[in-house]
Amino acid sequence: MNLLERDDLQEYLSGCIRVERADDHLLFHRHTERQIEYYRRMNESWWVRSRCPAGIRIELVTDAMTLDLTGRLLRGSRQYAGIDVEVDGHVTGRIRIDTSEDSRTFRLAEFSTQERRQITITLPQSALLEAESLELAEETQVNPITNARVPYLALGDSITQGMDASSPESAYPLQLAKIRDMNLLNLGVGGHVFDPDALDDELPFAPKLITVAYGTNDWARGTTREQVSETVAEYLNRLNGTVGVGARLLVITPIWRAIGEEIKEGGDLVAFSEAIAQAAGSITGVTVVDGLSMVPHRDSLFVDGTHPTDEGFLHYAINLNRAFD
């Protein structure tokens, strides 16, 4: 059975607000059509990265003997892709592969006995996926996983998207969602900045928790502290008045990066982050989280001095969870 052909496919998906069907494949989307069109007009890199299925998971209960995913893993924000597989809460499979224009089939799971198992497939955060089929062999039953989890919206840049973890499960929003049993919608887009126009006031998702983690790209592109303060206030006020109504809102200032002591138009990264914190802290209902306390300031925890490794992301998730106490 090809799960992707089911009329109720959306019930098997988390972190996915819509599915786009083409002639021979489908795309899993975490952004609205309006948002993706906005990214396409504004910045090709944003457009590509917004279409990577970061944080999207396929969740099912089945007695199938094998699961095979067929499709094309195309270059998105990186030339590699990762897919993680959990069976009954245990990570049993991890695929790490270079992207390619070719259609390929990946064996995600194989069992020697036929019994009901809870299976979660986490899709790549840094590659595009054109999915052709998800074949379940010898199944007698398949059902979606139904959990009343707290809806969590993660907004941010490449670090929120999960770059540059080798495992899509390692990204801090997904780790936090697992720790706190939340239903994640990850709208992180690599290279993005505080940008009120990228918000969709009619996002079909009603979060109870929102984290906002921009700023490092604003700083790198030469934004002044005065400019970012104004944009932060505009962004948060719009968010509070639309999608964020009734939600707890946390703003995470930029995490450490190796070049953070460089002086740019907004000063060094610490001074720039303080401007973000002051602007965010002036908005009613906003909690400011010190990004510098999220990941230890060690080169070994970063791939390139900016993006955390899998281990670095684990520190991020653990320390962010402490901010709720």
C-alpha atoms as a PDB file:
ATOM      1  CA  MET A   1       0.000   0.000   0.000  1.00  0.00           C
ATOM      2  CA  ASN A   2       1.228   3.477  -0.870  1.00  0.00           C
ATOM      3  CA  LEU A   3       0.395   5.644   2.146  1.00  0.00           C
ATOM      4  CA  LEU A   4       0.847   8.807   0.082  1.00  0.00           C
ATOM      5  CA  GLU A   5      -2.204   7.924  -2.026  1.00  0.00           C
ATOM      6  CA  ARG A   6      -4.583   7.934   0.936  1.00  0.00           C
ATOM      7  CA  ASP A   7      -7.266  10.610   1.033  1.00  0.00           C
ATOM      8  CA  ASP A   8      -6.626  11.039   4.761  1.00  0.00           C
ATOM      9  CA  LEU A   9      -2.848  11.486   4.382  1.00  0.00           C
ATOM     10  CA  GLN A  10      -2.898  14.789   6.298  1.00  0.00           C
ATOM     11  CA  GLU A  11      -3.928  12.899   9.452  1.00  0.00           C
ATOM     12  CA  TYR A  12      -0.586  11.078   9.356  1.00  0.00           C
ATOM     13  CA  LEU A  13       1.468  14.281   9.192  1.00  0.00           C
ATOM     14  CA  SER A  14       2.718  16.611  11.896  1.00  0.00           C
ATOM     15  CA  GLY A  15       4.447  19.913  11.223  1.00  0.00           C
ATOM     16  CA  CYS A  16       2.841  20.022   7.773  1.00  0.00           C
ATOM     17  CA  ILE A  17       0.046  22.465   6.983  1.00  0.00           C
ATOM     18  CA  ARG A  18      -0.581  21.355   3.390  1.00  0.00           C
ATOM     19  CA  VAL A  19       0.384  18.808   0.743  1.00  0.00           C
ATOM     20  CA  GLU A  20       0.982  19.787  -2.874  1.00  0.00           C
ATOM     21  CA  ARG A  21       0.333  17.014  -5.390  1.00  0.00           C
ATOM     22  CA  ALA A  22       2.064  16.945  -8.779  1.00  0.00           C
ATOM     23  CA  ASP A  23       1.810  14.369 -11.571  1.00  0.00           C
ATOM     24  CA  ASP A  24       4.330  11.900 -10.162  1.00  0.00           C
ATOM     25  CA  HIS A  25       5.135  13.151  -6.662  1.00  0.00           C
ATOM     26  CA  LEU A  26       3.995  15.290  -3.783  1.00  0.00           C
ATOM     27  CA  LEU A  27       5.579  18.000  -1.667  1.00  0.00           C
ATOM     28  CA  PHE A  28       5.090  18.451   2.073  1.00  0.00           C
ATOM     29  CA  HIS A  29       4.766  22.127   3.004  1.00  0.00           C
ATOM     30  CA  ARG A  30       5.178  23.857   6.354  1.00  0.00           C
ATOM     31  CA  HIS A  31       4.534  27.359   4.942  1.00  0.00           C
ATOM     32  CA  THR A  32       1.410  28.744   3.340  1.00  0.00           C
ATOM     33  CA  GLU A  33       1.239  29.452  -0.377  1.00  0.00           C
ATOM     34  CA  ARG A  34       1.343  33.173   0.381  1.00  0.00           C
ATOM     35  CA  GLN A  35       4.547  32.822   2.390  1.00  0.00           C
ATOM     36  CA  ILE A  36       6.322  30.725  -0.220  1.00  0.00           C
ATOM     37  CA  GLU A  37       5.341  33.180  -2.949  1.00  0.00           C
ATOM     38  CA  TYR A  38       6.685  36.009  -0.789  1.00  0.00           C
ATOM     39  CA  TYR A  39      10.015  34.234  -0.352  1.00  0.00           C
ATOM     40  CA  ARG A  40      10.162  33.525  -4.095  1.00  0.00           C
ATOM     41  CA  ARG A  41       9.779  37.235  -4.885  1.00  0.00           C
ATOM     42  CA  MET A  42      12.168  38.463  -2.222  1.00  0.00           C
ATOM     43  CA  ASN A  43      15.108  36.058  -2.188  1.00  0.00           C
ATOM     44  CA  GLU A  44      15.737  32.827  -4.107  1.00  0.00           C
ATOM     45  CA  SER A  45      17.682  31.317  -1.198  1.00  0.00           C
ATOM     46  CA  TRP A  46      14.779  31.957   1.185  1.00  0.00           C
ATOM     47  CA  TRP A  47      12.395  30.436  -1.353  1.00  0.00           C
ATOM     48  CA  VAL A  48      14.408  27.226  -1.685  1.00  0.00           C
ATOM     49  CA  ARG A  49      14.897  26.855   2.052  1.00  0.00           C
ATOM     50  CA  SER A  50      11.256  27.545   2.855  1.00  0.00           C
ATOM     51  CA  ARG A  51      10.325  24.471   0.796  1.00  0.00           C
ATOM     52  CA  CYS A  52      12.587  22.084   2.734  1.00  0.00           C
ATOM     53  CA  PRO A  53      10.356  19.933   5.005  1.00  0.00           C
ATOM     54  CA  ALA A  54      12.068  20.885   8.275  1.00  0.00           C
ATOM     55  CA  GLY A  55      10.252  19.493  11.299  1.00  0.00           C
ATOM     56  CA  ILE A  56       7.720  17.537   9.242  1.00  0.00           C
ATOM     57  CA  ARG A  57       7.063  14.004  10.445  1.00  0.00           C
ATOM     58  CA  ILE A  58       5.022  11.072   9.170  1.00  0.00           C
ATOM     59  CA  GLU A  59       3.498   9.261  12.149  1.00  0.00           C
ATOM     60  CA  LEU A  60       1.638   5.959  11.968  1.00  0.00           C
ATOM     61  CA  VAL A  61       0.757   2.768  13.777  1.00  0.00           C
ATOM     62  CA  THR A  62       1.017  -0.302  11.557  1.00  0.00           C
ATOM     63  CA  ASP A  63       1.892  -3.979  11.457  1.00  0.00           C
ATOM     64  CA  ALA A  64       3.649  -3.644   8.084  1.00  0.00           C
ATOM     65  CA  MET A  65       6.761  -5.770   7.651  1.00  0.00           C
ATOM     66  CA  THR A  66       8.666  -3.157   5.633  1.00  0.00           C
ATOM     67  CA  LEU A  67       8.486   0.562   4.856  1.00  0.00           C
ATOM     68  CA  ASP A  68      10.069   1.929   1.674  1.00  0.00           C
ATOM     69  CA  LEU A  69      10.222   5.609   0.689  1.00  0.00           C
ATOM     70  CA  THR A  70      10.697   6.404  -2.999  1.00  0.00           C
ATOM     71  CA  GLY A  71      11.389   9.881  -4.326  1.00  0.00           C
ATOM     72  CA  ARG A  72      13.944  12.513  -5.163  1.00  0.00           C
ATOM     73  CA  LEU A  73      16.080  14.225  -2.540  1.00  0.00           C
ATOM     74  CA  LEU A  74      17.117  17.475  -4.202  1.00  0.00           C
ATOM     75  CA  ARG A  75      19.565  20.095  -3.046  1.00  0.00           C
ATOM     76  CA  GLY A  76      17.928  22.605  -0.754  1.00  0.00           C
ATOM     77  CA  SER A  77      20.024  24.598   1.698  1.00  0.00           C
ATOM     78  CA  ARG A  78      22.689  21.882   1.661  1.00  0.00           C
ATOM     79  CA  GLN A  79      23.928  19.086  -0.623  1.00  0.00           C
ATOM     80  CA  TYR A  80      23.143  16.355   1.895  1.00  0.00           C
ATOM     81  CA  ALA A  81      19.953  14.986   3.389  1.00  0.00           C
ATOM     82  CA  GLY A  82      19.009  13.109   6.522  1.00  0.00           C
ATOM     83  CA  ILE A  83      15.933  11.044   7.356  1.00  0.00           C
ATOM     84  CA  ASP A  84      15.366   9.625  10.837  1.00  0.00           C
ATOM     85  CA  VAL A  85      13.126   6.700  11.782  1.00  0.00           C
ATOM     86  CA  GLU A  86      11.752   5.915  15.242  1.00  0.00           C
ATOM     87  CA  VAL A  87      10.035   2.658  16.135  1.00  0.00           C
ATOM     88  CA  ASP A  88       8.117   2.600  19.422  1.00  0.00           C
ATOM     89  CA  GLY A  89      10.084   5.613  20.632  1.00  0.00           C
ATOM     90  CA  HIS A  90      13.529   4.276  19.716  1.00  0.00           C
ATOM     91  CA  VAL A  91      15.605   5.694  16.866  1.00  0.00           C
ATOM     92  CA  THR A  92      16.237   2.613  14.741  1.00  0.00           C
ATOM     93  CA  GLY A  93      17.205   4.082  11.394  1.00  0.00           C
ATOM     94  CA  ARG A  94      19.133   7.067  10.122  1.00  0.00           C
ATOM     95  CA  ILE A  95      19.748   7.772   6.466  1.00  0.00           C
ATOM     96  CA  ARG A  96      22.564  10.142   5.514  1.00  0.00           C
ATOM     97  CA  ILE A  97      22.967  10.666   1.797  1.00  0.00           C
ATOM     98  CA  ASP A  98      23.990  13.261  -0.761  1.00  0.00           C
ATOM     99  CA  THR A  99      21.221  14.896  -2.732  1.00  0.00           C
ATOM    100  CA  SER A 100      20.621  13.830  -6.329  1.00  0.00           C
ATOM    101  CA  GLU A 101      18.279  14.430  -9.262  1.00  0.00           C
ATOM    102  CA  ASP A 102      17.656  10.676  -9.432  1.00  0.00           C
ATOM    103  CA  SER A 103      14.619   8.930  -7.999  1.00  0.00           C
ATOM    104  CA  ARG A 104      15.739   6.470  -5.315  1.00  0.00           C
ATOM    105  CA  THR A 105      14.118   4.024  -2.915  1.00  0.00           C
ATOM    106  CA  PHE A 106      15.109   3.955   0.744  1.00  0.00           C
ATOM    107  CA  ARG A 107      14.302   1.073   3.081  1.00  0.00           C
ATOM    108  CA  LEU A 108      13.196   2.876   6.238  1.00  0.00           C
ATOM    109  CA  ALA A 109      12.243  -0.135   8.343  1.00  0.00           C
ATOM    110  CA  GLU A 110      12.167  -3.914   8.148  1.00  0.00           C
ATOM    111  CA  PHE A 111      10.846  -6.377  10.724  1.00  0.00           C
ATOM    112  CA  SER A 112      10.970 -10.134  11.219  1.00  0.00           C
ATOM    113  CA  THR A 113       7.611 -10.359  13.000  1.00  0.00           C
ATOM    114  CA  GLN A 114       4.230  -8.865  12.213  1.00  0.00           C
ATOM    115  CA  GLU A 115       2.952  -6.792  15.107  1.00  0.00           C
ATOM    116  CA  ARG A 116       1.631  -3.303  15.671  1.00  0.00           C
ATOM    117  CA  ARG A 117       4.356  -0.699  15.976  1.00  0.00           C
ATOM    118  CA  GLN A 118       4.358   3.060  16.317  1.00  0.00           C
ATOM    119  CA  ILE A 119       6.593   4.502  13.604  1.00  0.00           C
ATOM    120  CA  THR A 120       7.732   8.101  13.136  1.00  0.00           C
ATOM    121  CA  ILE A 121       9.635   9.285  10.069  1.00  0.00           C
ATOM    122  CA  THR A 122      11.358  12.673  10.345  1.00  0.00           C
ATOM    123  CA  LEU A 123      11.926  14.310   6.965  1.00  0.00           C
ATOM    124  CA  PRO A 124      15.075  16.233   5.959  1.00  0.00           C
ATOM    125  CA  GLN A 125      15.476  19.797   7.157  1.00  0.00           C
ATOM    126  CA  SER A 126      18.045  20.911   4.566  1.00  0.00           C
ATOM    127  CA  ALA A 127      16.962  19.181   1.337  1.00  0.00           C
ATOM    128  CA  LEU A 128      13.912  19.222  -0.911  1.00  0.00           C
ATOM    129  CA  LEU A 129      11.858  16.042  -1.023  1.00  0.00           C
ATOM    130  CA  GLU A 130       9.717  15.062  -3.992  1.00  0.00           C
ATOM    131  CA  ALA A 131       7.996  12.020  -2.515  1.00  0.00           C
ATOM    132  CA  GLU A 132       6.623   9.441  -4.949  1.00  0.00           C
ATOM    133  CA  SER A 133       5.522   6.670  -2.614  1.00  0.00           C
ATOM    134  CA  LEU A 134       5.703   5.339   0.923  1.00  0.00           C
ATOM    135  CA  GLU A 135       5.069   1.636   0.501  1.00  0.00           C
ATOM    136  CA  LEU A 136       3.931  -0.530   3.408  1.00  0.00           C
ATOM    137  CA  ALA A 137       4.329  -4.246   2.699  1.00  0.00           C
ATOM    138  CA  GLU A 138       2.113  -7.013   4.082  1.00  0.00           C
ATOM    139  CA  GLU A 139       0.214  -4.640   6.322  1.00  0.00           C
ATOM    140  CA  THR A 140      -3.190  -5.571   7.650  1.00  0.00           C
ATOM    141  CA  GLN A 141      -3.755  -2.260   9.377  1.00  0.00           C
ATOM    142  CA  VAL A 142      -2.424   1.278   9.419  1.00  0.00           C
ATOM    143  CA  ASN A 143      -3.669   4.191  11.498  1.00  0.00           C
ATOM    144  CA  PRO A 144      -2.481   7.700  12.293  1.00  0.00           C
ATOM    145  CA  ILE A 145      -1.075   8.502  15.719  1.00  0.00           C
ATOM    146  CA  THR A 146      -3.541  10.666  17.611  1.00  0.00           C
ATOM    147  CA  ASN A 147      -2.054  12.731  20.419  1.00  0.00           C
ATOM    148  CA  ALA A 148      -3.445  15.917  21.952  1.00  0.00           C
ATOM    149  CA  ARG A 149      -0.119  17.727  21.981  1.00  0.00           C
ATOM    150  CA  VAL A 150       0.392  21.425  22.671  1.00  0.00           C
ATOM    151  CA  PRO A 151       0.847  23.314  19.358  1.00  0.00           C
ATOM    152  CA  TYR A 152       4.271  24.983  19.150  1.00  0.00           C
ATOM    153  CA  LEU A 153       5.334  27.450  16.444  1.00  0.00           C
ATOM    154  CA  ALA A 154       9.071  28.015  15.872  1.00  0.00           C
ATOM    155  CA  LEU A 155      10.066  31.119  13.913  1.00  0.00           C
ATOM    156  CA  GLY A 156      13.661  31.855  13.022  1.00  0.00           C
ATOM    157  CA  ASP A 157      16.556  31.538  10.621  1.00  0.00           C
ATOM    158  CA  SER A 158      18.860  28.686   9.554  1.00  0.00           C
ATOM    159  CA  ILE A 159      19.503  27.586  13.125  1.00  0.00           C
ATOM    160  CA  THR A 160      15.778  27.167  13.721  1.00  0.00           C
ATOM    161  CA  GLN A 161      15.505  25.326  10.403  1.00  0.00           C
ATOM    162  CA  GLY A 162      18.107  22.894  11.769  1.00  0.00           C
ATOM    163  CA  MET A 163      21.243  23.767   9.848  1.00  0.00           C
ATOM    164  CA  ASP A 164      23.800  22.213  10.100  1.00  0.00           C
ATOM    165  CA  ALA A 165      22.761  19.126  12.045  1.00  0.00           C
ATOM    166  CA  SER A 166      23.343  15.816  10.288  1.00  0.00           C
ATOM    167  CA  SER A 167      20.130  14.499  11.838  1.00  0.00           C
ATOM    168  CA  PRO A 168      16.817  16.307  11.250  1.00  0.00           C
ATOM    169  CA  GLU A 169      15.726  15.199  14.729  1.00  0.00           C
ATOM    170  CA  SER A 170      18.617  17.139  16.272  1.00  0.00           C
ATOM    171  CA  ALA A 171      17.258  20.612  15.459  1.00  0.00           C
ATOM    172  CA  TYR A 172      16.437  22.394  18.711  1.00  0.00           C
ATOM    173  CA  PRO A 173      12.725  23.026  17.932  1.00  0.00           C
ATOM    174  CA  LEU A 174      12.082  19.336  17.365  1.00  0.00           C
ATOM    175  CA  GLN A 175      14.115  18.361  20.430  1.00  0.00           C
ATOM    176  CA  LEU A 176      12.162  20.856  22.534  1.00  0.00           C
ATOM    177  CA  ALA A 177       8.882  19.551  21.111  1.00  0.00           C
ATOM    178  CA  LYS A 178       9.841  16.010  22.104  1.00  0.00           C
ATOM    179  CA  ILE A 179      10.918  17.060  25.602  1.00  0.00           C
ATOM    180  CA  ARG A 180       7.675  18.941  26.243  1.00  0.00           C
ATOM    181  CA  ASP A 181       5.340  16.720  24.184  1.00  0.00           C
ATOM    182  CA  MET A 182       4.380  19.448  21.713  1.00  0.00           C
ATOM    183  CA  ASN A 183       3.192  19.491  18.112  1.00  0.00           C
ATOM    184  CA  LEU A 184       5.797  21.511  16.214  1.00  0.00           C
ATOM    185  CA  LEU A 185       5.350  23.709  13.168  1.00  0.00           C
ATOM    186  CA  ASN A 186       8.849  24.839  12.183  1.00  0.00           C
ATOM    187  CA  LEU A 187       8.859  27.962  10.007  1.00  0.00           C
ATOM    188  CA  GLY A 188      12.612  28.531  10.249  1.00  0.00           C
ATOM    189  CA  VAL A 189      14.198  29.729   6.991  1.00  0.00           C
ATOM    190  CA  GLY A 190      17.944  29.868   6.478  1.00  0.00           C
ATOM    191  CA  GLY A 191      19.289  33.383   5.960  1.00  0.00           C
ATOM    192  CA  HIS A 192      16.085  35.051   7.126  1.00  0.00           C
ATOM    193  CA  VAL A 193      15.782  38.119   9.343  1.00  0.00           C
ATOM    194  CA  PHE A 194      13.144  39.915  11.396  1.00  0.00           C
ATOM    195  CA  ASP A 195      10.631  40.448   8.591  1.00  0.00           C
ATOM    196  CA  PRO A 196       7.015  41.329   9.447  1.00  0.00           C
ATOM    197  CA  ASP A 197       5.913  40.895   5.831  1.00  0.00           C
ATOM    198  CA  ALA A 198       6.853  37.190   5.937  1.00  0.00           C
ATOM    199  CA  LEU A 199       4.160  36.531   8.532  1.00  0.00           C
ATOM    200  CA  ASP A 200       0.853  35.136   7.329  1.00  0.00           C
ATOM    201  CA  ASP A 201      -1.872  36.523   9.556  1.00  0.00           C
ATOM    202  CA  GLU A 202      -4.132  33.638   8.491  1.00  0.00           C
ATOM    203  CA  LEU A 203      -1.687  30.822   9.208  1.00  0.00           C
ATOM    204  CA  PRO A 204      -3.814  27.665   9.706  1.00  0.00           C
ATOM    205  CA  PHE A 205      -2.157  26.839  13.012  1.00  0.00           C
ATOM    206  CA  ALA A 206      -3.146  28.038  16.479  1.00  0.00           C
ATOM    207  CA  PRO A 207      -0.032  27.840  18.682  1.00  0.00           C
ATOM    208  CA  LYS A 208       0.011  27.916  22.449  1.00  0.00           C
ATOM    209  CA  LEU A 209       3.768  28.513  22.405  1.00  0.00           C
ATOM    210  CA  ILE A 210       5.850  30.579  19.971  1.00  0.00           C
ATOM    211  CA  THR A 211       9.620  30.981  19.919  1.00  0.00           C
ATOM    212  CA  VAL A 212      11.193  33.703  17.772  1.00  0.00           C
ATOM    213  CA  ALA A 213      14.920  33.424  17.069  1.00  0.00           C
ATOM    214  CA  TYR A 214      16.235  35.928  14.531  1.00  0.00           C
ATOM    215  CA  GLY A 215      18.970  38.527  14.675  1.00  0.00           C
ATOM    216  CA  THR A 216      22.259  36.968  13.653  1.00  0.00           C
ATOM    217  CA  ASN A 217      21.606  37.623   9.946  1.00  0.00           C
ATOM    218  CA  ASP A 218      20.275  41.113  10.675  1.00  0.00           C
ATOM    219  CA  TRP A 219      23.574  41.838  12.421  1.00  0.00           C
ATOM    220  CA  ALA A 220      25.711  40.281   9.676  1.00  0.00           C
ATOM    221  CA  ARG A 221      24.008  42.279   6.913  1.00  0.00           C
ATOM    222  CA  GLY A 222      24.749  45.600   8.623  1.00  0.00           C
ATOM    223  CA  THR A 223      21.468  46.481  10.319  1.00  0.00           C
ATOM    224  CA  THR A 224      21.874  49.162  12.982  1.00  0.00           C
ATOM    225  CA  ARG A 225      20.618  48.758  16.530  1.00  0.00           C
ATOM    226  CA  GLU A 226      18.032  51.466  15.951  1.00  0.00           C
ATOM    227  CA  GLN A 227      16.754  49.722  12.839  1.00  0.00           C
ATOM    228  CA  VAL A 228      16.504  46.299  14.443  1.00  0.00           C
ATOM    229  CA  SER A 229      14.752  47.719  17.508  1.00  0.00           C
ATOM    230  CA  GLU A 230      12.063  49.233  15.309  1.00  0.00           C
ATOM    231  CA  THR A 231      11.652  46.070  13.227  1.00  0.00           C
ATOM    232  CA  VAL A 232      11.518  43.801  16.286  1.00  0.00           C
ATOM    233  CA  ALA A 233       8.707  45.877  17.785  1.00  0.00           C
ATOM    234  CA  GLU A 234       6.763  45.867  14.506  1.00  0.00           C
ATOM    235  CA  TYR A 235       7.251  42.118  14.072  1.00  0.00           C
ATOM    236  CA  LEU A 236       6.189  41.163  17.593  1.00  0.00           C
ATOM    237  CA  ASN A 237       3.208  43.497  17.692  1.00  0.00           C
ATOM    238  CA  ARG A 238       1.916  42.023  14.447  1.00  0.00           C
ATOM    239  CA  LEU A 239       2.514  38.484  15.684  1.00  0.00           C
ATOM    240  CA  ASN A 240       0.794  39.213  19.000  1.00  0.00           C
ATOM    241  CA  GLY A 241      -2.249  40.602  17.229  1.00  0.00           C
ATOM    242  CA  THR A 242      -2.745  37.702  14.835  1.00  0.00           C
ATOM    243  CA  VAL A 243      -1.283  34.194  15.021  1.00  0.00           C
ATOM    244  CA  GLY A 244       0.078  34.762  18.504  1.00  0.00           C
ATOM    245  CA  VAL A 245      -3.201  35.662  20.204  1.00  0.00           C
ATOM    246  CA  GLY A 246      -3.409  33.585  23.373  1.00  0.00           C
ATOM    247  CA  ALA A 247       0.073  32.099  22.932  1.00  0.00           C
ATOM    248  CA  ARG A 248       3.096  32.283  25.183  1.00  0.00           C
ATOM    249  CA  LEU A 249       5.789  34.159  23.237  1.00  0.00           C
ATOM    250  CA  LEU A 250       9.524  33.740  23.792  1.00  0.00           C
ATOM    251  CA  VAL A 251      12.148  35.757  21.920  1.00  0.00           C
ATOM    252  CA  ILE A 252      15.597  34.157  21.852  1.00  0.00           C
ATOM    253  CA  THR A 253      18.446  36.566  21.185  1.00  0.00           C
ATOM    254  CA  PRO A 254      21.288  35.377  18.885  1.00  0.00           C
ATOM    255  CA  ILE A 255      23.405  32.488  20.088  1.00  0.00           C
ATOM    256  CA  TRP A 256      27.192  32.679  20.229  1.00  0.00           C
ATOM    257  CA  ARG A 257      29.138  32.697  17.000  1.00  0.00           C
ATOM    258  CA  ALA A 258      32.866  32.745  16.382  1.00  0.00           C
ATOM    259  CA  ILE A 259      32.867  36.147  14.661  1.00  0.00           C
ATOM    260  CA  GLY A 260      30.616  37.775  17.232  1.00  0.00           C
ATOM    261  CA  GLU A 261      33.287  40.226  18.384  1.00  0.00           C
ATOM    262  CA  GLU A 262      33.515  41.831  14.956  1.00  0.00           C
ATOM    263  CA  ILE A 263      32.266  45.409  14.873  1.00  0.00           C
ATOM    264  CA  LYS A 264      29.545  46.025  12.320  1.00  0.00           C
ATOM    265  CA  GLU A 265      27.037  48.841  11.844  1.00  0.00           C
ATOM    266  CA  GLY A 266      25.121  47.486  14.820  1.00  0.00           C
ATOM    267  CA  GLY A 267      28.216  47.087  16.984  1.00  0.00           C
ATOM    268  CA  ASP A 268      29.396  43.651  18.057  1.00  0.00           C
ATOM    269  CA  LEU A 269      26.914  40.792  18.325  1.00  0.00           C
ATOM    270  CA  VAL A 270      26.473  41.213  22.087  1.00  0.00           C
ATOM    271  CA  ALA A 271      25.541  44.890  21.748  1.00  0.00           C
ATOM    272  CA  PHE A 272      23.231  44.083  18.852  1.00  0.00           C
ATOM    273  CA  SER A 273      21.558  41.330  20.861  1.00  0.00           C
ATOM    274  CA  GLU A 274      20.994  43.725  23.739  1.00  0.00           C
ATOM    275  CA  ALA A 275      19.072  46.008  21.390  1.00  0.00           C
ATOM    276  CA  ILE A 276      16.873  43.075  20.367  1.00  0.00           C
ATOM    277  CA  ALA A 277      16.319  42.138  24.011  1.00  0.00           C
ATOM    278  CA  GLN A 278      15.345  45.667  24.998  1.00  0.00           C
ATOM    279  CA  ALA A 279      12.911  46.045  22.111  1.00  0.00           C
ATOM    280  CA  ALA A 280      11.342  42.636  22.698  1.00  0.00           C
ATOM    281  CA  GLY A 281      11.171  43.144  26.447  1.00  0.00           C
ATOM    282  CA  SER A 282       9.107  46.283  25.975  1.00  0.00           C
ATOM    283  CA  ILE A 283       6.298  44.306  24.311  1.00  0.00           C
ATOM    284  CA  THR A 284       3.584  43.089  26.678  1.00  0.00           C
ATOM    285  CA  GLY A 285       3.573  39.332  27.165  1.00  0.00           C
ATOM    286  CA  VAL A 286       7.000  38.678  25.636  1.00  0.00           C
ATOM    287  CA  THR A 287       9.649  36.706  27.531  1.00  0.00           C
ATOM    288  CA  VAL A 288      13.244  37.314  26.445  1.00  0.00           C
ATOM    289  CA  VAL A 289      15.668  34.376  26.516  1.00  0.00           C
ATOM    290  CA  ASP A 290      19.426  35.017  26.499  1.00  0.00           C
ATOM    291  CA  GLY A 291      20.690  33.245  23.393  1.00  0.00           C
ATOM    292  CA  LEU A 292      24.272  33.336  24.634  1.00  0.00           C
ATOM    293  CA  SER A 293      23.308  30.831  27.334  1.00  0.00           C
ATOM    294  CA  MET A 294      21.886  28.287  24.875  1.00  0.00           C
ATOM    295  CA  VAL A 295      25.032  26.688  23.388  1.00  0.00           C
ATOM    296  CA  PRO A 296      28.423  26.649  25.170  1.00  0.00           C
ATOM    297  CA  HIS A 297      30.938  28.916  23.465  1.00  0.00           C
ATOM    298  CA  ARG A 298      33.122  26.135  22.086  1.00  0.00           C
ATOM    299  CA  ASP A 299      34.184  25.764  18.465  1.00  0.00           C
ATOM    300  CA  SER A 300      33.696  21.994  18.705  1.00  0.00           C
ATOM    301  CA  LEU A 301      29.929  22.504  19.130  1.00  0.00           C
ATOM    302  CA  PHE A 302      29.619  24.399  15.847  1.00  0.00           C
ATOM    303  CA  VAL A 303      30.065  23.190  12.287  1.00  0.00           C
ATOM    304  CA  ASP A 304      31.332  26.513  10.961  1.00  0.00           C
ATOM    305  CA  GLY A 305      31.439  28.890  13.906  1.00  0.00           C
ATOM    306  CA  THR A 306      27.751  29.785  13.435  1.00  0.00           C
ATOM    307  CA  HIS A 307      25.594  26.670  13.004  1.00  0.00           C
ATOM    308  CA  PRO A 308      25.530  24.112  15.838  1.00  0.00           C
ATOM    309  CA  THR A 309      26.470  20.487  15.442  1.00  0.00           C
ATOM    310  CA  ASP A 310      24.050  17.761  16.552  1.00  0.00           C
ATOM    311  CA  GLU A 311      25.605  17.954  20.014  1.00  0.00           C
ATOM    312  CA  GLY A 312      25.398  21.738  20.006  1.00  0.00           C
ATOM    313  CA  PHE A 313      21.696  21.543  19.195  1.00  0.00           C
ATOM    314  CA  LEU A 314      21.158  19.193  22.118  1.00  0.00           C
ATOM    315  CA  HIS A 315      22.649  21.815  24.454  1.00  0.00           C
ATOM    316  CA  TYR A 316      20.342  24.381  22.865  1.00  0.00           C
ATOM    317  CA  ALA A 317      17.202  22.309  23.450  1.00  0.00           C
ATOM    318  CA  ILE A 318      18.099  21.432  27.040  1.00  0.00           C
ATOM    319  CA  ASN A 319      18.935  25.015  27.962  1.00  0.00           C
ATOM    320  CA  LEU A 320      15.883  26.419  26.193  1.00  0.00           C
ATOM    321  CA  ASN A 321      13.696  23.985  28.104  1.00  0.00           C
ATOM    322  CA  ARG A 322      15.127  25.387  31.335  1.00  0.00           C
ATOM    323  CA  ALA A 323      13.831  28.818  30.321  1.00  0.00           C
ATOM    324  CA  PHE A 324      10.313  27.518  30.967  1.00  0.00           C
ATOM    325  CA  ASP A 325      11.026  26.936  34.663  1.00  0.00           C
END
